[in-house]
Amino acid sequence: MSIALSNLIPIFLVFFLGIKHQFFIPHTNLKIVEKLSNACLYFLLIFMGITVGLIPDITEKLVTVGVNAISIAVASSLSIAIVLKVFHYKENVILDEGMAISDNQKVAFDLIGYIKDPLVLTGLVIIGFFLGYRQIIPTMNYDILITALLYLLIFFIGIKLSRSGLNLKEVFFNRNNVIMTLLTVFSSYIGAIIVSFFIPLSLTHCLAISSGFGWYTLSGILFTKMNNPLLGSVAFLCDLFREAIALLLIPTLSRIGNGNIAIGVAGATAMDVTLPVIEKHCGTPYVPVALLSGGVITILVPFLIPFFYSL
């Protein structure tokens, strides 16, 4: 519980400061805020790639456990997308109670628009990975810098949300949004159950790995503490792949009116790493929904992984 709270409290504190920014920053230019937000997002993705590239023997880990990791990641993400689609939790469901559709949503087919943003976001991570793997830049602890950029991004998002005119109470206590979060959790396990028949891992281990929901900085550590570093490597890469899948799909899903599915695929990262991407492509109205979904899932992760592993 302490692990979840240590991540949740600072994020919600910074978000709250952004919402109430007018008390200490009475005059703000939204165009400048938007530019700063985008700059933080791009640098954040590059530094994320760098930290992955700096992991010792990362290529060996990718070869050794990559198949199992990507199988669970793809199965869980695909299952979430299908289940949320089947239950018709689409844009018009989340954006009820007077919430307007964002101008970012474009339903018309535009091939360049569909692939441009995913390629840019993925490309930034790849550039960072190359810089870290080749050790072109100094080796240091980039986690502090990533955390600072993340908090700054969430602060900017809070500012933009406060200017959107949304009723946050209606969003956080919306029954449909709560159901969507629960469906995200259960549908992830459906994918893990199915894929367990095709890979050399037990059902309980697949469920435990799927319980990371994209939180790769925690899942690997938990398995290692439970004396199974091999599963820790699988879990780490699985959640890394899930985050990459989310970054790739969020822009595309948002453009076809499925922003809530994008939030579901993002899993625990919907409240932090992918939150700026969700805000940028799905629109500001989806930010409270992402915080609700990602926050609830983040609280569950430290409990669900040990639970399924111990079965």
C-alpha atoms as a PDB file:
ATOM      1  CA  MET A   1       0.000   0.000   0.000  1.00  0.00           C
ATOM      2  CA  SER A   2       2.853   2.372   0.839  1.00  0.00           C
ATOM      3  CA  ILE A   3       4.310   1.852  -2.660  1.00  0.00           C
ATOM      4  CA  ALA A   4       1.033   2.842  -4.293  1.00  0.00           C
ATOM      5  CA  LEU A   5       0.524   5.846  -2.017  1.00  0.00           C
ATOM      6  CA  SER A   6       4.069   7.110  -2.541  1.00  0.00           C
ATOM      7  CA  ASN A   7       3.297   7.317  -6.264  1.00  0.00           C
ATOM      8  CA  LEU A   8      -0.295   8.493  -6.014  1.00  0.00           C
ATOM      9  CA  ILE A   9       0.019  11.300  -3.460  1.00  0.00           C
ATOM     10  CA  PRO A  10       2.598  13.459  -5.323  1.00  0.00           C
ATOM     11  CA  ILE A  11       0.725  13.074  -8.611  1.00  0.00           C
ATOM     12  CA  PHE A  12      -2.627  14.113  -7.164  1.00  0.00           C
ATOM     13  CA  LEU A  13      -0.956  16.941  -5.216  1.00  0.00           C
ATOM     14  CA  VAL A  14       0.634  18.379  -8.372  1.00  0.00           C
ATOM     15  CA  PHE A  15      -2.628  17.882 -10.270  1.00  0.00           C
ATOM     16  CA  PHE A  16      -4.522  19.757  -7.530  1.00  0.00           C
ATOM     17  CA  LEU A  17      -1.995  22.614  -7.659  1.00  0.00           C
ATOM     18  CA  GLY A  18      -2.587  22.846 -11.399  1.00  0.00           C
ATOM     19  CA  ILE A  19      -6.351  22.973 -10.868  1.00  0.00           C
ATOM     20  CA  LYS A  20      -5.930  25.764  -8.279  1.00  0.00           C
ATOM     21  CA  HIS A  21      -3.116  27.563 -10.099  1.00  0.00           C
ATOM     22  CA  GLN A  22      -5.012  30.854 -10.210  1.00  0.00           C
ATOM     23  CA  PHE A  23      -4.295  31.378  -6.504  1.00  0.00           C
ATOM     24  CA  PHE A  24      -0.543  31.714  -7.108  1.00  0.00           C
ATOM     25  CA  ILE A  25      -0.401  32.241 -10.912  1.00  0.00           C
ATOM     26  CA  PRO A  26      -3.302  34.630 -11.602  1.00  0.00           C
ATOM     27  CA  HIS A  27      -2.459  35.158 -15.277  1.00  0.00           C
ATOM     28  CA  THR A  28      -1.618  32.218 -17.564  1.00  0.00           C
ATOM     29  CA  ASN A  29      -1.304  32.002 -21.336  1.00  0.00           C
ATOM     30  CA  LEU A  30      -2.808  28.702 -22.485  1.00  0.00           C
ATOM     31  CA  LYS A  31      -0.822  28.743 -25.730  1.00  0.00           C
ATOM     32  CA  ILE A  32       2.426  28.902 -23.776  1.00  0.00           C
ATOM     33  CA  VAL A  33       1.187  26.203 -21.406  1.00  0.00           C
ATOM     34  CA  GLU A  34       0.388  23.980 -24.403  1.00  0.00           C
ATOM     35  CA  LYS A  35       3.867  24.448 -25.893  1.00  0.00           C
ATOM     36  CA  LEU A  36       5.577  23.750 -22.571  1.00  0.00           C
ATOM     37  CA  SER A  37       3.378  20.691 -22.090  1.00  0.00           C
ATOM     38  CA  ASN A  38       4.355  19.272 -25.482  1.00  0.00           C
ATOM     39  CA  ALA A  39       8.051  19.972 -24.870  1.00  0.00           C
ATOM     40  CA  CYS A  40       7.922  18.166 -21.524  1.00  0.00           C
ATOM     41  CA  LEU A  41       6.151  15.220 -23.135  1.00  0.00           C
ATOM     42  CA  TYR A  42       8.738  14.815 -25.882  1.00  0.00           C
ATOM     43  CA  PHE A  43      11.703  15.057 -23.510  1.00  0.00           C
ATOM     44  CA  LEU A  44       9.991  12.647 -21.121  1.00  0.00           C
ATOM     45  CA  LEU A  45       9.680  10.013 -23.856  1.00  0.00           C
ATOM     46  CA  ILE A  46      13.324  10.439 -24.857  1.00  0.00           C
ATOM     47  CA  PHE A  47      14.549  10.035 -21.283  1.00  0.00           C
ATOM     48  CA  MET A  48      12.298   7.002 -20.825  1.00  0.00           C
ATOM     49  CA  GLY A  49      14.006   5.399 -23.808  1.00  0.00           C
ATOM     50  CA  ILE A  50      17.416   6.293 -22.392  1.00  0.00           C
ATOM     51  CA  THR A  51      16.709   4.572 -19.068  1.00  0.00           C
ATOM     52  CA  VAL A  52      15.654   1.389 -20.863  1.00  0.00           C
ATOM     53  CA  GLY A  53      18.725   1.462 -23.095  1.00  0.00           C
ATOM     54  CA  LEU A  54      20.975   1.754 -20.039  1.00  0.00           C
ATOM     55  CA  ILE A  55      19.648  -1.480 -18.501  1.00  0.00           C
ATOM     56  CA  PRO A  56      22.508  -4.046 -18.383  1.00  0.00           C
ATOM     57  CA  ASP A  57      22.192  -6.844 -20.965  1.00  0.00           C
ATOM     58  CA  ILE A  58      18.896  -5.434 -22.253  1.00  0.00           C
ATOM     59  CA  THR A  59      19.311  -7.125 -25.654  1.00  0.00           C
ATOM     60  CA  GLU A  60      19.900 -10.490 -23.984  1.00  0.00           C
ATOM     61  CA  LYS A  61      16.781 -10.038 -21.879  1.00  0.00           C
ATOM     62  CA  LEU A  62      14.772  -9.158 -24.947  1.00  0.00           C
ATOM     63  CA  VAL A  63      15.853 -12.384 -26.639  1.00  0.00           C
ATOM     64  CA  THR A  64      15.483 -14.627 -23.574  1.00  0.00           C
ATOM     65  CA  VAL A  65      12.100 -13.627 -22.221  1.00  0.00           C
ATOM     66  CA  GLY A  66      10.793 -11.338 -24.943  1.00  0.00           C
ATOM     67  CA  VAL A  67       8.393 -13.826 -26.512  1.00  0.00           C
ATOM     68  CA  ASN A  68       6.581 -14.533 -23.239  1.00  0.00           C
ATOM     69  CA  ALA A  69       6.498 -10.856 -22.322  1.00  0.00           C
ATOM     70  CA  ILE A  70       5.156  -9.566 -25.613  1.00  0.00           C
ATOM     71  CA  SER A  71       2.619 -12.420 -25.815  1.00  0.00           C
ATOM     72  CA  ILE A  72       1.054 -11.459 -22.479  1.00  0.00           C
ATOM     73  CA  ALA A  73       1.279  -7.744 -23.303  1.00  0.00           C
ATOM     74  CA  VAL A  74      -0.465  -8.089 -26.661  1.00  0.00           C
ATOM     75  CA  ALA A  75      -3.092 -10.530 -25.347  1.00  0.00           C
ATOM     76  CA  SER A  76      -3.966  -8.324 -22.361  1.00  0.00           C
ATOM     77  CA  SER A  77      -4.091  -5.099 -24.388  1.00  0.00           C
ATOM     78  CA  LEU A  78      -6.133  -6.681 -27.176  1.00  0.00           C
ATOM     79  CA  SER A  79      -8.557  -8.218 -24.687  1.00  0.00           C
ATOM     80  CA  ILE A  80      -9.101  -4.840 -23.012  1.00  0.00           C
ATOM     81  CA  ALA A  81      -9.802  -3.173 -26.352  1.00  0.00           C
ATOM     82  CA  ILE A  82     -12.260  -5.891 -27.424  1.00  0.00           C
ATOM     83  CA  VAL A  83     -14.166  -6.064 -24.120  1.00  0.00           C
ATOM     84  CA  LEU A  84     -14.569  -2.296 -23.831  1.00  0.00           C
ATOM     85  CA  LYS A  85     -15.703  -2.170 -27.451  1.00  0.00           C
ATOM     86  CA  VAL A  86     -18.218  -4.987 -26.954  1.00  0.00           C
ATOM     87  CA  PHE A  87     -19.727  -3.261 -23.932  1.00  0.00           C
ATOM     88  CA  HIS A  88     -20.083  -0.104 -26.007  1.00  0.00           C
ATOM     89  CA  TYR A  89     -18.127   2.137 -23.672  1.00  0.00           C
ATOM     90  CA  LYS A  90     -17.360   4.583 -26.408  1.00  0.00           C
ATOM     91  CA  GLU A  91     -16.855   8.293 -26.556  1.00  0.00           C
ATOM     92  CA  ASN A  92     -20.521   9.170 -26.258  1.00  0.00           C
ATOM     93  CA  VAL A  93     -20.799   7.163 -23.012  1.00  0.00           C
ATOM     94  CA  ILE A  94     -17.909   8.814 -21.211  1.00  0.00           C
ATOM     95  CA  LEU A  95     -18.681  12.263 -22.465  1.00  0.00           C
ATOM     96  CA  ASP A  96     -22.234  12.392 -21.189  1.00  0.00           C
ATOM     97  CA  GLU A  97     -23.460  14.748 -18.469  1.00  0.00           C
ATOM     98  CA  GLY A  98     -22.672  17.746 -20.664  1.00  0.00           C
ATOM     99  CA  MET A  99     -19.087  16.844 -21.524  1.00  0.00           C
ATOM    100  CA  ALA A 100     -18.256  18.017 -25.021  1.00  0.00           C
ATOM    101  CA  ILE A 101     -16.264  16.093 -27.581  1.00  0.00           C
ATOM    102  CA  SER A 102     -12.754  17.432 -27.964  1.00  0.00           C
ATOM    103  CA  ASP A 103     -11.707  19.186 -31.138  1.00  0.00           C
ATOM    104  CA  ASN A 104      -8.853  16.694 -31.284  1.00  0.00           C
ATOM    105  CA  GLN A 105     -11.286  13.954 -32.275  1.00  0.00           C
ATOM    106  CA  LYS A 106     -11.347  13.427 -36.024  1.00  0.00           C
ATOM    107  CA  VAL A 107     -13.456  10.583 -37.294  1.00  0.00           C
ATOM    108  CA  ALA A 108     -12.719  11.090 -40.977  1.00  0.00           C
ATOM    109  CA  PHE A 109     -10.084   8.747 -42.363  1.00  0.00           C
ATOM    110  CA  ASP A 110      -6.712  10.440 -42.652  1.00  0.00           C
ATOM    111  CA  LEU A 111      -3.826   8.007 -43.101  1.00  0.00           C
ATOM    112  CA  ILE A 112      -1.113  10.571 -42.377  1.00  0.00           C
ATOM    113  CA  GLY A 113      -2.935  11.757 -39.282  1.00  0.00           C
ATOM    114  CA  TYR A 114      -3.398   8.197 -38.040  1.00  0.00           C
ATOM    115  CA  ILE A 115       0.255   7.234 -38.230  1.00  0.00           C
ATOM    116  CA  LYS A 116       2.068  10.531 -37.681  1.00  0.00           C
ATOM    117  CA  ASP A 117       1.685  10.914 -33.915  1.00  0.00           C
ATOM    118  CA  PRO A 118       2.237   7.230 -33.019  1.00  0.00           C
ATOM    119  CA  LEU A 119       5.387   7.195 -35.141  1.00  0.00           C
ATOM    120  CA  VAL A 120       6.673  10.424 -33.600  1.00  0.00           C
ATOM    121  CA  LEU A 121       6.064   9.225 -30.035  1.00  0.00           C
ATOM    122  CA  THR A 122       7.539   5.795 -30.681  1.00  0.00           C
ATOM    123  CA  GLY A 123      10.440   7.347 -32.571  1.00  0.00           C
ATOM    124  CA  LEU A 124      11.334   9.529 -29.590  1.00  0.00           C
ATOM    125  CA  VAL A 125      11.492   6.468 -27.340  1.00  0.00           C
ATOM    126  CA  ILE A 126      13.650   4.636 -29.907  1.00  0.00           C
ATOM    127  CA  ILE A 127      16.009   7.610 -30.149  1.00  0.00           C
ATOM    128  CA  GLY A 128      16.329   7.624 -26.382  1.00  0.00           C
ATOM    129  CA  PHE A 129      16.931   3.873 -26.327  1.00  0.00           C
ATOM    130  CA  PHE A 130      19.714   4.218 -28.916  1.00  0.00           C
ATOM    131  CA  LEU A 131      21.359   7.036 -26.956  1.00  0.00           C
ATOM    132  CA  GLY A 132      21.273   4.978 -23.775  1.00  0.00           C
ATOM    133  CA  TYR A 133      22.236   1.638 -25.300  1.00  0.00           C
ATOM    134  CA  ARG A 134      25.208   3.119 -27.168  1.00  0.00           C
ATOM    135  CA  GLN A 135      26.056   5.194 -24.080  1.00  0.00           C
ATOM    136  CA  ILE A 136      26.319   8.300 -26.224  1.00  0.00           C
ATOM    137  CA  ILE A 137      25.230  10.378 -23.253  1.00  0.00           C
ATOM    138  CA  PRO A 138      26.591  10.218 -19.675  1.00  0.00           C
ATOM    139  CA  THR A 139      25.363   7.385 -17.472  1.00  0.00           C
ATOM    140  CA  MET A 140      23.419   8.842 -14.568  1.00  0.00           C
ATOM    141  CA  ASN A 141      20.189   8.412 -12.658  1.00  0.00           C
ATOM    142  CA  TYR A 142      17.600   9.809 -15.056  1.00  0.00           C
ATOM    143  CA  ASP A 143      14.680   8.795 -12.821  1.00  0.00           C
ATOM    144  CA  ILE A 144      14.835  12.124 -10.979  1.00  0.00           C
ATOM    145  CA  LEU A 145      14.665  14.068 -14.245  1.00  0.00           C
ATOM    146  CA  ILE A 146      11.831  11.881 -15.547  1.00  0.00           C
ATOM    147  CA  THR A 147       9.887  12.373 -12.316  1.00  0.00           C
ATOM    148  CA  ALA A 148      10.367  16.157 -12.467  1.00  0.00           C
ATOM    149  CA  LEU A 149       9.192  16.301 -16.097  1.00  0.00           C
ATOM    150  CA  LEU A 150       6.213  14.100 -15.272  1.00  0.00           C
ATOM    151  CA  TYR A 151       5.099  16.279 -12.361  1.00  0.00           C
ATOM    152  CA  LEU A 152       5.519  19.399 -14.496  1.00  0.00           C
ATOM    153  CA  LEU A 153       3.393  17.831 -17.221  1.00  0.00           C
ATOM    154  CA  ILE A 154       0.633  16.909 -14.795  1.00  0.00           C
ATOM    155  CA  PHE A 155       0.733  20.441 -13.385  1.00  0.00           C
ATOM    156  CA  PHE A 156       0.198  21.851 -16.893  1.00  0.00           C
ATOM    157  CA  ILE A 157      -2.614  19.367 -17.490  1.00  0.00           C
ATOM    158  CA  GLY A 158      -4.277  20.539 -14.279  1.00  0.00           C
ATOM    159  CA  ILE A 159      -4.096  24.131 -15.529  1.00  0.00           C
ATOM    160  CA  LYS A 160      -5.718  23.227 -18.847  1.00  0.00           C
ATOM    161  CA  LEU A 161      -8.374  21.135 -17.124  1.00  0.00           C
ATOM    162  CA  SER A 162      -9.285  24.009 -14.792  1.00  0.00           C
ATOM    163  CA  ARG A 163      -9.896  26.183 -17.869  1.00  0.00           C
ATOM    164  CA  SER A 164     -12.059  23.581 -19.628  1.00  0.00           C
ATOM    165  CA  GLY A 165     -15.209  24.209 -17.588  1.00  0.00           C
ATOM    166  CA  LEU A 166     -15.685  20.525 -16.721  1.00  0.00           C
ATOM    167  CA  ASN A 167     -17.503  19.391 -13.578  1.00  0.00           C
ATOM    168  CA  LEU A 168     -14.870  17.093 -12.035  1.00  0.00           C
ATOM    169  CA  LYS A 169     -17.288  15.711  -9.439  1.00  0.00           C
ATOM    170  CA  GLU A 170     -19.582  14.399 -12.153  1.00  0.00           C
ATOM    171  CA  VAL A 171     -16.662  12.679 -13.874  1.00  0.00           C
ATOM    172  CA  PHE A 172     -15.067  11.026 -10.831  1.00  0.00           C
ATOM    173  CA  PHE A 173     -18.388   9.751  -9.494  1.00  0.00           C
ATOM    174  CA  ASN A 174     -19.757   8.729 -12.875  1.00  0.00           C
ATOM    175  CA  ARG A 175     -20.997   5.132 -12.707  1.00  0.00           C
ATOM    176  CA  ASN A 176     -19.964   4.378 -16.286  1.00  0.00           C
ATOM    177  CA  ASN A 177     -16.390   5.487 -15.632  1.00  0.00           C
ATOM    178  CA  VAL A 178     -16.116   3.221 -12.582  1.00  0.00           C
ATOM    179  CA  ILE A 179     -17.497   0.262 -14.548  1.00  0.00           C
ATOM    180  CA  MET A 180     -15.019   0.961 -17.350  1.00  0.00           C
ATOM    181  CA  THR A 181     -12.144   0.764 -14.853  1.00  0.00           C
ATOM    182  CA  LEU A 182     -13.341  -2.582 -13.480  1.00  0.00           C
ATOM    183  CA  LEU A 183     -13.808  -3.948 -16.998  1.00  0.00           C
ATOM    184  CA  THR A 184     -10.234  -2.942 -17.795  1.00  0.00           C
ATOM    185  CA  VAL A 185      -8.930  -5.070 -14.915  1.00  0.00           C
ATOM    186  CA  PHE A 186     -11.013  -8.152 -15.648  1.00  0.00           C
ATOM    187  CA  SER A 187     -10.524  -8.053 -19.417  1.00  0.00           C
ATOM    188  CA  SER A 188      -6.751  -7.936 -18.946  1.00  0.00           C
ATOM    189  CA  TYR A 189      -7.010 -11.242 -17.098  1.00  0.00           C
ATOM    190  CA  ILE A 190      -9.085 -12.739 -19.901  1.00  0.00           C
ATOM    191  CA  GLY A 191      -6.181 -12.118 -22.255  1.00  0.00           C
ATOM    192  CA  ALA A 192      -3.707 -13.601 -19.762  1.00  0.00           C
ATOM    193  CA  ILE A 193      -5.832 -16.742 -19.351  1.00  0.00           C
ATOM    194  CA  ILE A 194      -6.044 -17.286 -23.109  1.00  0.00           C
ATOM    195  CA  VAL A 195      -2.331 -16.767 -23.754  1.00  0.00           C
ATOM    196  CA  SER A 196      -1.375 -19.117 -20.889  1.00  0.00           C
ATOM    197  CA  PHE A 197      -2.366 -22.051 -23.140  1.00  0.00           C
ATOM    198  CA  PHE A 198       0.271 -21.087 -25.706  1.00  0.00           C
ATOM    199  CA  ILE A 199       3.362 -20.117 -23.699  1.00  0.00           C
ATOM    200  CA  PRO A 200       5.480 -22.083 -21.178  1.00  0.00           C
ATOM    201  CA  LEU A 201       4.193 -20.234 -18.123  1.00  0.00           C
ATOM    202  CA  SER A 202       1.561 -21.347 -15.624  1.00  0.00           C
ATOM    203  CA  LEU A 203      -1.868 -19.720 -15.485  1.00  0.00           C
ATOM    204  CA  THR A 204      -1.191 -18.095 -12.116  1.00  0.00           C
ATOM    205  CA  HIS A 205       2.138 -16.713 -13.320  1.00  0.00           C
ATOM    206  CA  CYS A 206       0.463 -15.251 -16.416  1.00  0.00           C
ATOM    207  CA  LEU A 207      -2.197 -13.641 -14.229  1.00  0.00           C
ATOM    208  CA  ALA A 208       0.459 -12.256 -11.883  1.00  0.00           C
ATOM    209  CA  ILE A 209       2.455 -10.793 -14.774  1.00  0.00           C
ATOM    210  CA  SER A 210      -0.698  -9.325 -16.324  1.00  0.00           C
ATOM    211  CA  SER A 211      -1.406  -7.630 -12.973  1.00  0.00           C
ATOM    212  CA  GLY A 212       1.383  -5.134 -13.639  1.00  0.00           C
ATOM    213  CA  PHE A 213      -0.931  -3.180 -15.992  1.00  0.00           C
ATOM    214  CA  GLY A 214       2.030  -1.345 -17.537  1.00  0.00           C
ATOM    215  CA  TRP A 215       3.736  -0.393 -14.253  1.00  0.00           C
ATOM    216  CA  TYR A 216       7.116  -1.824 -15.263  1.00  0.00           C
ATOM    217  CA  THR A 217       9.094   0.034 -12.578  1.00  0.00           C
ATOM    218  CA  LEU A 218       7.223  -1.896  -9.892  1.00  0.00           C
ATOM    219  CA  SER A 219       6.286  -5.292 -11.333  1.00  0.00           C
ATOM    220  CA  GLY A 220       9.831  -6.523 -11.907  1.00  0.00           C
ATOM    221  CA  ILE A 221      10.857  -5.447  -8.408  1.00  0.00           C
ATOM    222  CA  LEU A 222       7.965  -7.310  -6.789  1.00  0.00           C
ATOM    223  CA  PHE A 223       8.812 -10.579  -8.551  1.00  0.00           C
ATOM    224  CA  THR A 224      12.482 -10.186  -7.671  1.00  0.00           C
ATOM    225  CA  LYS A 225      11.564  -9.649  -4.019  1.00  0.00           C
ATOM    226  CA  MET A 226       9.503 -12.843  -4.234  1.00  0.00           C
ATOM    227  CA  ASN A 227      12.701 -14.671  -5.275  1.00  0.00           C
ATOM    228  CA  ASN A 228      11.833 -15.095  -8.957  1.00  0.00           C
ATOM    229  CA  PRO A 229      14.058 -12.728 -10.961  1.00  0.00           C
ATOM    230  CA  LEU A 230      13.294 -14.591 -14.209  1.00  0.00           C
ATOM    231  CA  LEU A 231       9.596 -13.775 -13.910  1.00  0.00           C
ATOM    232  CA  GLY A 232      10.686 -10.313 -12.849  1.00  0.00           C
ATOM    233  CA  SER A 233      12.392  -9.878 -16.223  1.00  0.00           C
ATOM    234  CA  VAL A 234       9.294 -11.140 -18.045  1.00  0.00           C
ATOM    235  CA  ALA A 235       7.055  -8.808 -16.032  1.00  0.00           C
ATOM    236  CA  PHE A 236       9.327  -5.830 -16.601  1.00  0.00           C
ATOM    237  CA  LEU A 237       9.436  -6.331 -20.366  1.00  0.00           C
ATOM    238  CA  CYS A 238       5.725  -7.174 -20.526  1.00  0.00           C
ATOM    239  CA  ASP A 239       4.771  -3.906 -18.857  1.00  0.00           C
ATOM    240  CA  LEU A 240       7.309  -2.044 -20.950  1.00  0.00           C
ATOM    241  CA  PHE A 241       5.642  -3.465 -24.066  1.00  0.00           C
ATOM    242  CA  ARG A 242       2.193  -2.592 -22.698  1.00  0.00           C
ATOM    243  CA  GLU A 243       3.269   0.998 -22.205  1.00  0.00           C
ATOM    244  CA  ALA A 244       4.708   1.089 -25.729  1.00  0.00           C
ATOM    245  CA  ILE A 245       1.486  -0.401 -27.134  1.00  0.00           C
ATOM    246  CA  ALA A 246      -0.520   2.256 -25.301  1.00  0.00           C
ATOM    247  CA  LEU A 247       1.676   5.066 -26.638  1.00  0.00           C
ATOM    248  CA  LEU A 248       1.228   3.661 -30.130  1.00  0.00           C
ATOM    249  CA  LEU A 249      -2.538   3.130 -29.931  1.00  0.00           C
ATOM    250  CA  ILE A 250      -3.733   6.180 -27.989  1.00  0.00           C
ATOM    251  CA  PRO A 251      -3.464   8.635 -30.924  1.00  0.00           C
ATOM    252  CA  THR A 252      -5.113   6.187 -33.324  1.00  0.00           C
ATOM    253  CA  LEU A 253      -7.936   5.146 -30.973  1.00  0.00           C
ATOM    254  CA  SER A 254      -8.681   8.755 -30.081  1.00  0.00           C
ATOM    255  CA  ARG A 255      -9.081   9.713 -33.729  1.00  0.00           C
ATOM    256  CA  ILE A 256     -11.793   7.100 -34.274  1.00  0.00           C
ATOM    257  CA  GLY A 257     -13.800   8.085 -31.190  1.00  0.00           C
ATOM    258  CA  ASN A 258     -12.560   5.438 -28.756  1.00  0.00           C
ATOM    259  CA  GLY A 259     -10.746   7.524 -26.172  1.00  0.00           C
ATOM    260  CA  ASN A 260     -11.997   5.382 -23.299  1.00  0.00           C
ATOM    261  CA  ILE A 261     -10.500   2.266 -24.903  1.00  0.00           C
ATOM    262  CA  ALA A 262      -7.211   4.147 -25.117  1.00  0.00           C
ATOM    263  CA  ILE A 263      -7.432   4.800 -21.375  1.00  0.00           C
ATOM    264  CA  GLY A 264      -8.175   1.131 -20.715  1.00  0.00           C
ATOM    265  CA  VAL A 265      -5.212  -0.036 -22.784  1.00  0.00           C
ATOM    266  CA  ALA A 266      -2.982   2.423 -20.899  1.00  0.00           C
ATOM    267  CA  GLY A 267      -3.761   0.621 -17.621  1.00  0.00           C
ATOM    268  CA  ALA A 268      -1.903   1.981 -14.599  1.00  0.00           C
ATOM    269  CA  THR A 269       0.062   4.390 -16.803  1.00  0.00           C
ATOM    270  CA  ALA A 270      -3.134   6.334 -17.563  1.00  0.00           C
ATOM    271  CA  MET A 271      -2.519   8.385 -14.418  1.00  0.00           C
ATOM    272  CA  ASP A 272       1.101   9.266 -15.131  1.00  0.00           C
ATOM    273  CA  VAL A 273       3.258   8.382 -18.156  1.00  0.00           C
ATOM    274  CA  THR A 274       0.511   8.164 -20.787  1.00  0.00           C
ATOM    275  CA  LEU A 275      -1.679  10.847 -19.180  1.00  0.00           C
ATOM    276  CA  PRO A 276      -0.094  13.673 -21.215  1.00  0.00           C
ATOM    277  CA  VAL A 277      -0.587  11.626 -24.405  1.00  0.00           C
ATOM    278  CA  ILE A 278      -4.224  10.961 -23.470  1.00  0.00           C
ATOM    279  CA  GLU A 279      -4.778  14.662 -22.794  1.00  0.00           C
ATOM    280  CA  LYS A 280      -3.098  15.682 -26.046  1.00  0.00           C
ATOM    281  CA  HIS A 281      -4.960  13.285 -28.341  1.00  0.00           C
ATOM    282  CA  CYS A 282      -8.201  12.373 -26.546  1.00  0.00           C
ATOM    283  CA  GLY A 283      -8.820  15.825 -25.140  1.00  0.00           C
ATOM    284  CA  THR A 284      -8.978  17.475 -21.725  1.00  0.00           C
ATOM    285  CA  PRO A 285     -12.387  15.926 -20.827  1.00  0.00           C
ATOM    286  CA  TYR A 286     -10.705  12.514 -20.630  1.00  0.00           C
ATOM    287  CA  VAL A 287      -8.095  13.553 -18.049  1.00  0.00           C
ATOM    288  CA  PRO A 288     -10.275  12.972 -14.931  1.00  0.00           C
ATOM    289  CA  VAL A 289     -11.380   9.609 -16.350  1.00  0.00           C
ATOM    290  CA  ALA A 290      -7.747   8.629 -16.939  1.00  0.00           C
ATOM    291  CA  LEU A 291      -6.799   9.695 -13.410  1.00  0.00           C
ATOM    292  CA  LEU A 292      -9.659   7.654 -11.962  1.00  0.00           C
ATOM    293  CA  SER A 293      -8.866   4.538 -13.993  1.00  0.00           C
ATOM    294  CA  GLY A 294      -5.090   4.753 -13.613  1.00  0.00           C
ATOM    295  CA  GLY A 295      -5.311   5.638  -9.928  1.00  0.00           C
ATOM    296  CA  VAL A 296      -7.563   2.708  -8.999  1.00  0.00           C
ATOM    297  CA  ILE A 297      -5.450   0.255 -10.998  1.00  0.00           C
ATOM    298  CA  THR A 298      -2.240   1.643  -9.474  1.00  0.00           C
ATOM    299  CA  ILE A 299      -3.589   0.974  -5.984  1.00  0.00           C
ATOM    300  CA  LEU A 300      -4.480  -2.608  -6.946  1.00  0.00           C
ATOM    301  CA  VAL A 301      -1.158  -3.580  -8.584  1.00  0.00           C
ATOM    302  CA  PRO A 302       0.940  -4.052  -5.387  1.00  0.00           C
ATOM    303  CA  PHE A 303      -1.734  -6.407  -4.048  1.00  0.00           C
ATOM    304  CA  LEU A 304      -2.742  -8.320  -7.184  1.00  0.00           C
ATOM    305  CA  ILE A 305       0.778  -9.388  -8.240  1.00  0.00           C
ATOM    306  CA  PRO A 306       1.641 -11.142  -4.923  1.00  0.00           C
ATOM    307  CA  PHE A 307      -1.894 -12.561  -4.707  1.00  0.00           C
ATOM    308  CA  PHE A 308      -1.811 -14.393  -8.044  1.00  0.00           C
ATOM    309  CA  TYR A 309       1.846 -15.374  -7.666  1.00  0.00           C
ATOM    310  CA  SER A 310       1.099 -17.080  -4.340  1.00  0.00           C
ATOM    311  CA  LEU A 311      -1.768 -19.188  -5.717  1.00  0.00           C
END
